[in-house]
């Protein structure tokens, strides 16, 4: 019974993961932050997985009013300044920019 439950939960997690955008080894070409605190990063290539909600296929958004958003901002600015590549995934929703840019969930500099 336990192994069956684990298999079902893992399948659900995989389905959810497929709903969000993913970028692998994308270079940062643009970073923007608005007066509202909302910002976005534009990558040199389209996301590997199409965004679940947005029309901009090479960007992810964040908000600098949160601790996590400030960490994203610092990371993408460092990547932009050094030419490092970013690996990131989206949340599956367009929290900050309506139906335009999917929100950033997590990521790393590679």
PDB file of N, CA and C in Angstrom:
ATOM      1  N   UNK A   1       0.825  -1.196   0.000  1.00  0.00           N
ATOM      2  CA  UNK A   1       0.000   0.000   0.000  1.00  0.00           C
ATOM      3  C   UNK A   1       0.869   1.261   0.000  1.00  0.00           C
ATOM      4  N   UNK A   2       1.921   1.267   0.818  1.00  0.00           N
ATOM      5  CA  UNK A   2       2.783   2.441   0.892  1.00  0.00           C
ATOM      6  C   UNK A   2       3.462   2.721  -0.448  1.00  0.00           C
ATOM      7  N   UNK A   3       3.958   1.674  -1.097  1.00  0.00           N
ATOM      8  CA  UNK A   3       4.657   1.885  -2.364  1.00  0.00           C
ATOM      9  C   UNK A   3       3.688   2.409  -3.431  1.00  0.00           C
ATOM     10  N   UNK A   4       2.442   1.986  -3.396  1.00  0.00           N
ATOM     11  CA  UNK A   4       1.437   2.476  -4.334  1.00  0.00           C
ATOM     12  C   UNK A   4       1.185   3.962  -4.111  1.00  0.00           C
ATOM     13  N   UNK A   5       1.060   4.364  -2.850  1.00  0.00           N
ATOM     14  CA  UNK A   5       0.825   5.769  -2.516  1.00  0.00           C
ATOM     15  C   UNK A   5       2.017   6.628  -2.956  1.00  0.00           C
ATOM     16  N   UNK A   6       3.222   6.132  -2.729  1.00  0.00           N
ATOM     17  CA  UNK A   6       4.420   6.874  -3.119  1.00  0.00           C
ATOM     18  C   UNK A   6       4.455   7.041  -4.634  1.00  0.00           C
ATOM     19  N   UNK A   7       4.109   5.990  -5.372  1.00  0.00           N
ATOM     20  CA  UNK A   7       4.098   6.063  -6.837  1.00  0.00           C
ATOM     21  C   UNK A   7       3.087   7.095  -7.323  1.00  0.00           C
ATOM     22  N   UNK A   8       1.919   7.135  -6.709  1.00  0.00           N
ATOM     23  CA  UNK A   8       0.891   8.105  -7.097  1.00  0.00           C
ATOM     24  C   UNK A   8       1.362   9.527  -6.803  1.00  0.00           C
ATOM     25  N   UNK A   9       1.930   9.735  -5.622  1.00  0.00           N
ATOM     26  CA  UNK A   9       2.413  11.068  -5.261  1.00  0.00           C
ATOM     27  C   UNK A   9       3.547  11.527  -6.165  1.00  0.00           C
ATOM     28  N   UNK A  10       4.444  10.627  -6.506  1.00  0.00           N
ATOM     29  CA  UNK A  10       5.541  10.977  -7.397  1.00  0.00           C
ATOM     30  C   UNK A  10       5.010  11.334  -8.792  1.00  0.00           C
ATOM     31  N   UNK A  11       4.013  10.602  -9.256  1.00  0.00           N
ATOM     32  CA  UNK A  11       3.415  10.895 -10.559  1.00  0.00           C
ATOM     33  C   UNK A  11       2.780  12.276 -10.554  1.00  0.00           C
ATOM     34  N   UNK A  12       2.085  12.603  -9.467  1.00  0.00           N
ATOM     35  CA  UNK A  12       1.458  13.921  -9.361  1.00  0.00           C
ATOM     36  C   UNK A  12       2.517  15.016  -9.341  1.00  0.00           C
ATOM     37  N   UNK A  13       3.616  14.784  -8.653  1.00  0.00           N
ATOM     38  CA  UNK A  13       4.700  15.769  -8.599  1.00  0.00           C
ATOM     39  C   UNK A  13       5.297  15.984  -9.980  1.00  0.00           C
ATOM     40  N   UNK A  14       5.455  14.907 -10.740  1.00  0.00           N
ATOM     41  CA  UNK A  14       6.003  15.026 -12.091  1.00  0.00           C
ATOM     42  C   UNK A  14       5.054  15.809 -12.992  1.00  0.00           C
ATOM     43  N   UNK A  15       3.762  15.575 -12.869  1.00  0.00           N
ATOM     44  CA  UNK A  15       2.790  16.300 -13.670  1.00  0.00           C
ATOM     45  C   UNK A  15       2.834  17.786 -13.351  1.00  0.00           C
ATOM     46  N   UNK A  16       2.939  18.121 -12.078  1.00  0.00           N
ATOM     47  CA  UNK A  16       3.007  19.516 -11.674  1.00  0.00           C
ATOM     48  C   UNK A  16       4.291  20.154 -12.191  1.00  0.00           C
ATOM     49  N   UNK A  17       5.389  19.432 -12.106  1.00  0.00           N
ATOM     50  CA  UNK A  17       6.658  19.980 -12.570  1.00  0.00           C
ATOM     51  C   UNK A  17       6.620  20.274 -14.063  1.00  0.00           C
ATOM     52  N   UNK A  18       5.903  19.455 -14.829  1.00  0.00           N
ATOM     53  CA  UNK A  18       5.821  19.664 -16.264  1.00  0.00           C
ATOM     54  C   UNK A  18       4.980  20.879 -16.626  1.00  0.00           C
ATOM     55  N   UNK A  19       4.186  21.386 -15.703  1.00  0.00           N
ATOM     56  CA  UNK A  19       3.330  22.527 -15.985  1.00  0.00           C
ATOM     57  C   UNK A  19       4.094  23.840 -15.943  1.00  0.00           C
ATOM     58  N   UNK A  20       5.277  23.859 -15.364  1.00  0.00           N
ATOM     59  CA  UNK A  20       6.035  25.091 -15.203  1.00  0.00           C
ATOM     60  C   UNK A  20       7.144  25.201 -16.242  1.00  0.00           C
ATOM     61  N   UNK A  21       7.513  26.426 -16.538  1.00  0.00           N
ATOM     62  CA  UNK A  21       8.593  26.697 -17.487  1.00  0.00           C
ATOM     63  C   UNK A  21       9.942  26.343 -16.879  1.00  0.00           C
ATOM     64  N   UNK A  22      10.889  25.971 -17.732  1.00  0.00           N
ATOM     65  CA  UNK A  22      12.242  25.631 -17.297  1.00  0.00           C
ATOM     66  C   UNK A  22      13.230  26.248 -18.279  1.00  0.00           C
ATOM     67  N   UNK A  23      14.315  26.826 -17.744  1.00  0.00           N
ATOM     68  CA  UNK A  23      15.412  27.306 -18.577  1.00  0.00           C
ATOM     69  C   UNK A  23      16.673  26.585 -18.113  1.00  0.00           C
ATOM     70  N   UNK A  24      17.432  26.083 -19.053  1.00  0.00           N
ATOM     71  CA  UNK A  24      18.686  25.412 -18.725  1.00  0.00           C
ATOM     72  C   UNK A  24      19.817  26.162 -19.409  1.00  0.00           C
ATOM     73  N   UNK A  25      20.765  26.620 -18.640  1.00  0.00           N
ATOM     74  CA  UNK A  25      21.968  27.285 -19.135  1.00  0.00           C
ATOM     75  C   UNK A  25      21.651  28.470 -20.042  1.00  0.00           C
ATOM     76  N   UNK A  26      20.759  29.327 -19.592  1.00  0.00           N
ATOM     77  CA  UNK A  26      20.434  30.532 -20.352  1.00  0.00           C
ATOM     78  C   UNK A  26      21.249  31.719 -19.876  1.00  0.00           C
ATOM     79  N   UNK A  27      21.753  32.490 -20.806  1.00  0.00           N
ATOM     80  CA  UNK A  27      22.463  33.716 -20.449  1.00  0.00           C
ATOM     81  C   UNK A  27      21.448  34.832 -20.224  1.00  0.00           C
ATOM     82  N   UNK A  28      21.734  35.708 -19.277  1.00  0.00           N
ATOM     83  CA  UNK A  28      20.863  36.842 -18.968  1.00  0.00           C
ATOM     84  C   UNK A  28      21.168  37.972 -19.944  1.00  0.00           C
ATOM     85  N   UNK A  29      20.136  38.429 -20.672  1.00  0.00           N
ATOM     86  CA  UNK A  29      20.329  39.534 -21.618  1.00  0.00           C
ATOM     87  C   UNK A  29      19.733  40.840 -21.114  1.00  0.00           C
ATOM     88  N   UNK A  30      18.750  40.746 -20.210  1.00  0.00           N
ATOM     89  CA  UNK A  30      18.085  41.948 -19.707  1.00  0.00           C
ATOM     90  C   UNK A  30      17.503  41.679 -18.332  1.00  0.00           C
ATOM     91  N   UNK A  31      17.597  42.667 -17.459  1.00  0.00           N
ATOM     92  CA  UNK A  31      16.964  42.611 -16.139  1.00  0.00           C
ATOM     93  C   UNK A  31      16.224  43.924 -15.955  1.00  0.00           C
ATOM     94  N   UNK A  32      14.974  43.840 -15.520  1.00  0.00           N
ATOM     95  CA  UNK A  32      14.157  45.050 -15.326  1.00  0.00           C
ATOM     96  C   UNK A  32      13.432  44.953 -13.993  1.00  0.00           C
ATOM     97  N   UNK A  33      13.369  46.071 -13.272  1.00  0.00           N
ATOM     98  CA  UNK A  33      12.576  46.169 -12.042  1.00  0.00           C
ATOM     99  C   UNK A  33      11.751  47.445 -12.135  1.00  0.00           C
ATOM    100  N   UNK A  34      10.447  47.318 -11.898  1.00  0.00           N
ATOM    101  CA  UNK A  34       9.526  48.451 -11.943  1.00  0.00           C
ATOM    102  C   UNK A  34       9.388  49.088 -10.558  1.00  0.00           C
ATOM    103  N   UNK A  35       8.794  50.272 -10.497  1.00  0.00           N
ATOM    104  CA  UNK A  35       8.551  50.961  -9.229  1.00  0.00           C
ATOM    105  C   UNK A  35       7.670  50.128  -8.297  1.00  0.00           C
ATOM    106  N   UNK A  36       6.855  49.246  -8.854  1.00  0.00           N
ATOM    107  CA  UNK A  36       5.977  48.384  -8.051  1.00  0.00           C
ATOM    108  C   UNK A  36       6.747  47.305  -7.303  1.00  0.00           C
ATOM    109  N   UNK A  37       8.006  47.100  -7.681  1.00  0.00           N
ATOM    110  CA  UNK A  37       8.800  46.011  -7.105  1.00  0.00           C
ATOM    111  C   UNK A  37       8.829  44.781  -7.995  1.00  0.00           C
ATOM    112  N   UNK A  38       7.918  44.724  -8.967  1.00  0.00           N
ATOM    113  CA  UNK A  38       7.923  43.612  -9.909  1.00  0.00           C
ATOM    114  C   UNK A  38       9.078  43.773 -10.880  1.00  0.00           C
ATOM    115  N   UNK A  39       9.690  42.654 -11.219  1.00  0.00           N
ATOM    116  CA  UNK A  39      10.780  42.673 -12.173  1.00  0.00           C
ATOM    117  C   UNK A  39      10.793  41.395 -12.981  1.00  0.00           C
ATOM    118  N   UNK A  40      11.620  41.380 -14.014  1.00  0.00           N
ATOM    119  CA  UNK A  40      11.771  40.163 -14.786  1.00  0.00           C
ATOM    120  C   UNK A  40      13.164  40.081 -15.370  1.00  0.00           C
ATOM    121  N   UNK A  41      13.557  38.874 -15.688  1.00  0.00           N
ATOM    122  CA  UNK A  41      14.832  38.596 -16.337  1.00  0.00           C
ATOM    123  C   UNK A  41      14.530  37.985 -17.698  1.00  0.00           C
ATOM    124  N   UNK A  42      15.253  38.467 -18.716  1.00  0.00           N
ATOM    125  CA  UNK A  42      15.116  37.947 -20.070  1.00  0.00           C
ATOM    126  C   UNK A  42      16.364  37.129 -20.377  1.00  0.00           C
ATOM    127  N   UNK A  43      16.153  35.936 -20.913  1.00  0.00           N
ATOM    128  CA  UNK A  43      17.244  35.027 -21.242  1.00  0.00           C
ATOM    129  C   UNK A  43      17.568  35.076 -22.728  1.00  0.00           C
ATOM    130  N   UNK A  44      18.753  34.620 -23.081  1.00  0.00           N
ATOM    131  CA  UNK A  44      19.226  34.639 -24.462  1.00  0.00           C
ATOM    132  C   UNK A  44      18.506  33.633 -25.352  1.00  0.00           C
ATOM    133  N   UNK A  45      17.782  32.724 -24.756  1.00  0.00           N
ATOM    134  CA  UNK A  45      17.039  31.732 -25.534  1.00  0.00           C
ATOM    135  C   UNK A  45      15.694  31.474 -24.868  1.00  0.00           C
ATOM    136  N   UNK A  46      14.792  30.872 -25.629  1.00  0.00           N
ATOM    137  CA  UNK A  46      13.478  30.542 -25.070  1.00  0.00           C
ATOM    138  C   UNK A  46      13.614  29.500 -23.973  1.00  0.00           C
ATOM    139  N   UNK A  47      12.647  29.491 -23.087  1.00  0.00           N
ATOM    140  CA  UNK A  47      12.596  28.489 -22.028  1.00  0.00           C
ATOM    141  C   UNK A  47      12.469  27.105 -22.658  1.00  0.00           C
ATOM    142  N   UNK A  48      13.092  26.106 -22.039  1.00  0.00           N
ATOM    143  CA  UNK A  48      13.068  24.745 -22.578  1.00  0.00           C
ATOM    144  C   UNK A  48      11.661  24.170 -22.571  1.00  0.00           C
ATOM    145  N   UNK A  49      10.896  24.520 -21.557  1.00  0.00           N
ATOM    146  CA  UNK A  49       9.501  24.109 -21.451  1.00  0.00           C
ATOM    147  C   UNK A  49       8.669  25.373 -21.617  1.00  0.00           C
ATOM    148  N   UNK A  50       7.703  25.384 -22.510  1.00  0.00           N
ATOM    149  CA  UNK A  50       6.899  26.610 -22.694  1.00  0.00           C
ATOM    150  C   UNK A  50       6.222  27.035 -21.395  1.00  0.00           C
ATOM    151  N   UNK A  51       6.069  28.339 -21.235  1.00  0.00           N
ATOM    152  CA  UNK A  51       5.427  28.844 -20.031  1.00  0.00           C
ATOM    153  C   UNK A  51       3.977  28.381 -19.973  1.00  0.00           C
ATOM    154  N   UNK A  52       3.511  28.171 -18.765  1.00  0.00           N
ATOM    155  CA  UNK A  52       2.143  27.697 -18.557  1.00  0.00           C
ATOM    156  C   UNK A  52       1.119  28.807 -18.743  1.00  0.00           C
ATOM    157  N   UNK A  53       1.540  30.065 -18.583  1.00  0.00           N
ATOM    158  CA  UNK A  53       0.566  31.153 -18.609  1.00  0.00           C
ATOM    159  C   UNK A  53       1.005  32.349 -19.431  1.00  0.00           C
ATOM    160  N   UNK A  54       2.274  32.492 -19.693  1.00  0.00           N
ATOM    161  CA  UNK A  54       2.770  33.715 -20.298  1.00  0.00           C
ATOM    162  C   UNK A  54       2.937  33.660 -21.798  1.00  0.00           C
ATOM    163  N   UNK A  55       3.029  34.837 -22.389  1.00  0.00           N
ATOM    164  CA  UNK A  55       3.272  34.942 -23.817  1.00  0.00           C
ATOM    165  C   UNK A  55       4.744  35.199 -24.112  1.00  0.00           C
ATOM    166  N   UNK A  56       5.490  35.691 -23.126  1.00  0.00           N
ATOM    167  CA  UNK A  56       6.928  35.941 -23.299  1.00  0.00           C
ATOM    168  C   UNK A  56       7.667  34.651 -22.953  1.00  0.00           C
ATOM    169  N   UNK A  57       8.202  33.968 -23.946  1.00  0.00           N
ATOM    170  CA  UNK A  57       8.750  32.620 -23.784  1.00  0.00           C
ATOM    171  C   UNK A  57      10.226  32.583 -23.392  1.00  0.00           C
ATOM    172  N   UNK A  58      10.841  33.727 -23.147  1.00  0.00           N
ATOM    173  CA  UNK A  58      12.255  33.734 -22.767  1.00  0.00           C
ATOM    174  C   UNK A  58      12.498  34.550 -21.497  1.00  0.00           C
ATOM    175  N   UNK A  59      11.502  34.609 -20.600  1.00  0.00           N
ATOM    176  CA  UNK A  59      11.642  35.435 -19.395  1.00  0.00           C
ATOM    177  C   UNK A  59      10.919  34.807 -18.204  1.00  0.00           C
ATOM    178  N   UNK A  60      11.369  35.166 -17.007  1.00  0.00           N
ATOM    179  CA  UNK A  60      10.694  34.808 -15.754  1.00  0.00           C
ATOM    180  C   UNK A  60      10.635  36.060 -14.881  1.00  0.00           C
ATOM    181  N   UNK A  61       9.567  36.188 -14.095  1.00  0.00           N
ATOM    182  CA  UNK A  61       9.378  37.388 -13.270  1.00  0.00           C
ATOM    183  C   UNK A  61       9.638  37.097 -11.793  1.00  0.00           C
ATOM    184  N   UNK A  62       9.808  38.175 -11.027  1.00  0.00           N
ATOM    185  CA  UNK A  62      10.038  38.094  -9.583  1.00  0.00           C
ATOM    186  C   UNK A  62       9.593  39.415  -8.972  1.00  0.00           C
ATOM    187  N   UNK A  63       9.623  39.517  -7.647  1.00  0.00           N
ATOM    188  CA  UNK A  63       9.274  40.765  -6.970  1.00  0.00           C
ATOM    189  C   UNK A  63      10.320  41.051  -5.897  1.00  0.00           C
ATOM    190  N   UNK A  64      10.949  42.213  -5.963  1.00  0.00           N
ATOM    191  CA  UNK A  64      12.029  42.552  -5.038  1.00  0.00           C
ATOM    192  C   UNK A  64      11.543  42.962  -3.652  1.00  0.00           C
ATOM    193  N   UNK A  65      10.227  43.016  -3.450  1.00  0.00           N
ATOM    194  CA  UNK A  65       9.701  43.323  -2.118  1.00  0.00           C
ATOM    195  C   UNK A  65       9.783  42.124  -1.173  1.00  0.00           C
ATOM    196  N   UNK A  66      10.089  40.943  -1.717  1.00  0.00           N
ATOM    197  CA  UNK A  66      10.245  39.747  -0.873  1.00  0.00           C
ATOM    198  C   UNK A  66      11.722  39.402  -0.764  1.00  0.00           C
ATOM    199  N   UNK A  67      12.079  38.668   0.280  1.00  0.00           N
ATOM    200  CA  UNK A  67      13.466  38.235   0.461  1.00  0.00           C
ATOM    201  C   UNK A  67      13.898  37.369  -0.720  1.00  0.00           C
ATOM    202  N   UNK A  68      13.028  36.456  -1.135  1.00  0.00           N
ATOM    203  CA  UNK A  68      13.343  35.590  -2.267  1.00  0.00           C
ATOM    204  C   UNK A  68      13.525  36.375  -3.554  1.00  0.00           C
ATOM    205  N   UNK A  69      12.686  37.374  -3.762  1.00  0.00           N
ATOM    206  CA  UNK A  69      12.792  38.203  -4.958  1.00  0.00           C
ATOM    207  C   UNK A  69      14.088  38.988  -5.005  1.00  0.00           C
ATOM    208  N   UNK A  70      14.530  39.472  -3.839  1.00  0.00           N
ATOM    209  CA  UNK A  70      15.813  40.183  -3.788  1.00  0.00           C
ATOM    210  C   UNK A  70      16.972  39.231  -4.065  1.00  0.00           C
ATOM    211  N   UNK A  71      16.852  37.980  -3.619  1.00  0.00           N
ATOM    212  CA  UNK A  71      17.889  36.978  -3.901  1.00  0.00           C
ATOM    213  C   UNK A  71      17.934  36.677  -5.402  1.00  0.00           C
ATOM    214  N   UNK A  72      16.771  36.556  -6.035  1.00  0.00           N
ATOM    215  CA  UNK A  72      16.715  36.339  -7.490  1.00  0.00           C
ATOM    216  C   UNK A  72      17.367  37.512  -8.203  1.00  0.00           C
ATOM    217  N   UNK A  73      17.014  38.726  -7.790  1.00  0.00           N
ATOM    218  CA  UNK A  73      17.572  39.926  -8.408  1.00  0.00           C
ATOM    219  C   UNK A  73      19.100  39.939  -8.305  1.00  0.00           C
ATOM    220  N   UNK A  74      19.627  39.636  -7.129  1.00  0.00           N
ATOM    221  CA  UNK A  74      21.080  39.612  -6.932  1.00  0.00           C
ATOM    222  C   UNK A  74      21.729  38.552  -7.826  1.00  0.00           C
ATOM    223  N   UNK A  75      21.094  37.389  -7.913  1.00  0.00           N
ATOM    224  CA  UNK A  75      21.650  36.297  -8.716  1.00  0.00           C
ATOM    225  C   UNK A  75      21.681  36.658 -10.202  1.00  0.00           C
ATOM    226  N   UNK A  76      20.580  37.197 -10.709  1.00  0.00           N
ATOM    227  CA  UNK A  76      20.548  37.498 -12.143  1.00  0.00           C
ATOM    228  C   UNK A  76      21.458  38.678 -12.492  1.00  0.00           C
ATOM    229  N   UNK A  77      21.616  39.619 -11.566  1.00  0.00           N
ATOM    230  CA  UNK A  77      22.544  40.725 -11.809  1.00  0.00           C
ATOM    231  C   UNK A  77      23.985  40.224 -11.836  1.00  0.00           C
ATOM    232  N   UNK A  78      24.303  39.285 -10.948  1.00  0.00           N
ATOM    233  CA  UNK A  78      25.640  38.690 -10.954  1.00  0.00           C
ATOM    234  C   UNK A  78      25.869  37.931 -12.258  1.00  0.00           C
ATOM    235  N   UNK A  79      24.868  37.165 -12.682  1.00  0.00           N
ATOM    236  CA  UNK A  79      24.986  36.415 -13.938  1.00  0.00           C
ATOM    237  C   UNK A  79      25.151  37.361 -15.124  1.00  0.00           C
ATOM    238  N   UNK A  80      24.410  38.455 -15.124  1.00  0.00           N
ATOM    239  CA  UNK A  80      24.510  39.449 -16.207  1.00  0.00           C
ATOM    240  C   UNK A  80      25.905  40.073 -16.233  1.00  0.00           C
ATOM    241  N   UNK A  81      26.439  40.413 -15.061  1.00  0.00           N
ATOM    242  CA  UNK A  81      27.740  41.080 -14.973  1.00  0.00           C
ATOM    243  C   UNK A  81      28.898  40.156 -15.351  1.00  0.00           C
ATOM    244  N   UNK A  82      28.769  38.870 -15.050  1.00  0.00           N
ATOM    245  CA  UNK A  82      29.877  37.937 -15.270  1.00  0.00           C
ATOM    246  C   UNK A  82      29.712  37.073 -16.510  1.00  0.00           C
ATOM    247  N   UNK A  83      28.537  37.079 -17.109  1.00  0.00           N
ATOM    248  CA  UNK A  83      28.297  36.218 -18.265  1.00  0.00           C
ATOM    249  C   UNK A  83      27.971  34.781 -17.885  1.00  0.00           C
ATOM    250  N   UNK A  84      27.735  34.535 -16.601  1.00  0.00           N
ATOM    251  CA  UNK A  84      27.387  33.181 -16.145  1.00  0.00           C
ATOM    252  C   UNK A  84      26.007  32.797 -16.668  1.00  0.00           C
ATOM    253  N   UNK A  85      25.758  31.525 -16.718  1.00  0.00           N
ATOM    254  CA  UNK A  85      24.469  31.025 -17.184  1.00  0.00           C
ATOM    255  C   UNK A  85      23.568  30.693 -16.001  1.00  0.00           C
ATOM    256  N   UNK A  86      22.262  30.779 -16.243  1.00  0.00           N
ATOM    257  CA  UNK A  86      21.246  30.539 -15.210  1.00  0.00           C
ATOM    258  C   UNK A  86      20.454  29.286 -15.557  1.00  0.00           C
ATOM    259  N   UNK A  87      20.160  28.516 -14.548  1.00  0.00           N
ATOM    260  CA  UNK A  87      19.208  27.422 -14.643  1.00  0.00           C
ATOM    261  C   UNK A  87      18.061  27.815 -13.720  1.00  0.00           C
ATOM    262  N   UNK A  88      16.828  27.795 -14.205  1.00  0.00           N
ATOM    263  CA  UNK A  88      15.697  28.206 -13.371  1.00  0.00           C
ATOM    264  C   UNK A  88      14.419  27.517 -13.816  1.00  0.00           C
ATOM    265  N   UNK A  89      13.434  27.534 -12.931  1.00  0.00           N
ATOM    266  CA  UNK A  89      12.110  27.005 -13.258  1.00  0.00           C
ATOM    267  C   UNK A  89      11.047  27.983 -12.773  1.00  0.00           C
ATOM    268  N   UNK A  90       9.922  27.968 -13.443  1.00  0.00           N
ATOM    269  CA  UNK A  90       8.818  28.858 -13.101  1.00  0.00           C
ATOM    270  C   UNK A  90       7.824  28.203 -12.165  1.00  0.00           C
ATOM    271  N   UNK A  91       6.883  29.005 -11.694  1.00  0.00           N
ATOM    272  CA  UNK A  91       5.864  28.529 -10.760  1.00  0.00           C
ATOM    273  C   UNK A  91       4.655  27.927 -11.451  1.00  0.00           C
ATOM    274  N   UNK A  92       4.487  28.221 -12.723  1.00  0.00           N
ATOM    275  CA  UNK A  92       3.301  27.771 -13.435  1.00  0.00           C
ATOM    276  C   UNK A  92       2.198  28.822 -13.467  1.00  0.00           C
ATOM    277  N   UNK A  93       2.456  29.993 -12.877  1.00  0.00           N
ATOM    278  CA  UNK A  93       1.468  31.083 -12.940  1.00  0.00           C
ATOM    279  C   UNK A  93       2.162  32.401 -13.270  1.00  0.00           C
ATOM    280  N   UNK A  94       1.379  33.371 -13.662  1.00  0.00           N
ATOM    281  CA  UNK A  94       1.901  34.691 -14.034  1.00  0.00           C
ATOM    282  C   UNK A  94       1.545  35.707 -12.951  1.00  0.00           C
ATOM    283  N   UNK A  95       2.075  35.500 -11.776  1.00  0.00           N
ATOM    284  CA  UNK A  95       1.757  36.272 -10.583  1.00  0.00           C
ATOM    285  C   UNK A  95       2.028  37.772 -10.729  1.00  0.00           C
ATOM    286  N   UNK A  96       3.131  38.147 -11.366  1.00  0.00           N
ATOM    287  CA  UNK A  96       3.556  39.548 -11.364  1.00  0.00           C
ATOM    288  C   UNK A  96       3.135  40.359 -12.588  1.00  0.00           C
ATOM    289  N   UNK A  97       2.999  39.724 -13.728  1.00  0.00           N
ATOM    290  CA  UNK A  97       2.721  40.454 -14.963  1.00  0.00           C
ATOM    291  C   UNK A  97       1.529  39.882 -15.728  1.00  0.00           C
ATOM    292  N   UNK A  98       0.458  39.609 -15.043  1.00  0.00           N
ATOM    293  CA  UNK A  98      -0.750  39.135 -15.720  1.00  0.00           C
ATOM    294  C   UNK A  98      -0.510  37.889 -16.548  1.00  0.00           C
ATOM    295  N   UNK A  99      -0.889  37.925 -17.802  1.00  0.00           N
ATOM    296  CA  UNK A  99      -0.709  36.772 -18.683  1.00  0.00           C
ATOM    297  C   UNK A  99       0.489  36.941 -19.613  1.00  0.00           C
ATOM    298  N   UNK A 100       1.547  37.569 -19.100  1.00  0.00           N
ATOM    299  CA  UNK A 100       2.694  37.862 -19.949  1.00  0.00           C
ATOM    300  C   UNK A 100       3.934  37.061 -19.589  1.00  0.00           C
ATOM    301  N   UNK A 101       4.330  37.076 -18.295  1.00  0.00           N
ATOM    302  CA  UNK A 101       5.590  36.457 -17.878  1.00  0.00           C
ATOM    303  C   UNK A 101       5.349  35.545 -16.683  1.00  0.00           C
ATOM    304  N   UNK A 102       5.772  34.293 -16.809  1.00  0.00           N
ATOM    305  CA  UNK A 102       5.631  33.339 -15.702  1.00  0.00           C
ATOM    306  C   UNK A 102       6.553  33.726 -14.546  1.00  0.00           C
ATOM    307  N   UNK A 103       6.101  33.471 -13.320  1.00  0.00           N
ATOM    308  CA  UNK A 103       6.873  33.821 -12.121  1.00  0.00           C
ATOM    309  C   UNK A 103       8.004  32.812 -11.878  1.00  0.00           C
ATOM    310  N   UNK A 104       9.110  33.301 -11.324  1.00  0.00           N
ATOM    311  CA  UNK A 104      10.300  32.515 -10.973  1.00  0.00           C
ATOM    312  C   UNK A 104       9.976  31.677  -9.733  1.00  0.00           C
ATOM    313  N   UNK A 105      10.332  30.403  -9.759  1.00  0.00           N
ATOM    314  CA  UNK A 105      10.150  29.533  -8.593  1.00  0.00           C
ATOM    315  C   UNK A 105      11.492  29.296  -7.893  1.00  0.00           C
ATOM    316  N   UNK A 106      12.462  28.788  -8.608  1.00  0.00           N
ATOM    317  CA  UNK A 106      13.805  28.617  -8.063  1.00  0.00           C
ATOM    318  C   UNK A 106      14.811  28.511  -9.197  1.00  0.00           C
ATOM    319  N   UNK A 107      16.087  28.705  -8.858  1.00  0.00           N
ATOM    320  CA  UNK A 107      17.106  28.636  -9.873  1.00  0.00           C
ATOM    321  C   UNK A 107      18.501  28.708  -9.287  1.00  0.00           C
ATOM    322  N   UNK A 108      19.492  28.642 -10.159  1.00  0.00           N
ATOM    323  CA  UNK A 108      20.889  28.650  -9.736  1.00  0.00           C
ATOM    324  C   UNK A 108      21.756  29.177 -10.876  1.00  0.00           C
ATOM    325  N   UNK A 109      22.950  29.639 -10.506  1.00  0.00           N
ATOM    326  CA  UNK A 109      23.944  30.024 -11.500  1.00  0.00           C
ATOM    327  C   UNK A 109      24.766  28.782 -11.818  1.00  0.00           C
ATOM    328  N   UNK A 110      24.980  28.537 -13.105  1.00  0.00           N
ATOM    329  CA  UNK A 110      25.790  27.362 -13.473  1.00  0.00           C
ATOM    330  C   UNK A 110      27.098  27.781 -14.093  1.00  0.00           C
TER     331      UNK A 110
END
